[in-house]
Amino acid sequence: MTKQIKADMMLLLVTLCWGVSYLLVDISLEDMGSFTLNANRFLIAFAVAYSLSYRKLRNVSKETLKYSVILGVLLVFVYIGATFGIQYTTLSNTGFLCGLSVVFTPVLSSVIYRKAPEKKLVLVIIMSVTGIALLTLKDNFSINYDNLLGDLLSIMCAFVYAIDLLVTERAVQKEKVNPFQLGVFQLGVTGILNLFLAFVFEKPHFPTTSNIWASVLFLSIICTGAAFIVQTIAQQYTSASHVGVIFSLETVFAGIVAYIFAHEVLTLKSYIGACLMILSLFIMEVDHRVVLKRLKIKSIKISD
């Protein structure tokens, strides 16, 4: 098994966990505010990761700490979008809209690196915008003001996370940056910043019931600590855009979880919109030339 395949499998597991996380966040928000939840989530993740690997975290470079701070700040905005988004729209909408990072990533990459975007990007953007309209507008295609704030926050989450992927991609390629240390310290920075915001806007506290504790611990250890460390390490062996197509499956997992556990049933219009968005994600990331080439080779072998 190649390093690329191993990285893909690790990222796929991360994506599955994140698909489940939307429901757990929704449960946890019944007991605490968004900043309090994220402070608990990231500080517990950092504490566990640090206690299990403190020897590997010695002699951290200034470059690693610099990028840890940058990524920590970005993650604060990512989770403001995701967590508050869940409060003001449906779980399904949040899951699908947050998945737009896979579209934003190549767009931003083209702008930052001044590369002409692929022709299919125009098609993908049209499909994504159409999908968002079908998913978020009312049946008469008027604006659904009840969910508007949550939908916009979810889109913000996707946009900032695309920036996070590109910054991570650049950081892990630098010799002075240790990917594992970066993955751990960004958790601590994110947790501290959320704790500060919790003291300003909320009354921070630990979970008050066993069910909430279970949700927060799963979010902390699996969906946050393990997930972000795995993502950072895996990005040494793949590109930000390639990570994006794997993470696009998060929208599928989130929709399935919302349907099974939260009993969210979308309208036919919304399901069509969701399917358009998922299809656009795969069109953006799958190299059709490679696929056609492989199909051509297989057809030649069969004919022989």
Foldseek 3Di string as FASTA:
>chain_A
DDLLVVLLVLLLLLLLLLLLLLVLLVVLCVFFPQLLLLLLQLVVLLVVLCVVPVVVLPPADPLLLVLLLVLLVLVLLLSVLLNVLVVQAPLLLLQLLLLCLLLLQQVVVCVVVVNDDDPCNVVLVVLLVLLNQLQQADPVSHGPPSNVVSNVSSNSSSNSVSVSLQSLLVSLVDPSHDLLNSLSSSSVSNSVVSVVVCVVPHDHDDGDDPSSVVSSVSSRHRNRNSSSSSNSVSSVPDHSSLSSLSSSCSSVSNVVCCCPPVVDDDDPSNVSSSVSNNVSSCVSRDDVVVVVVVVVVVVVVVVD
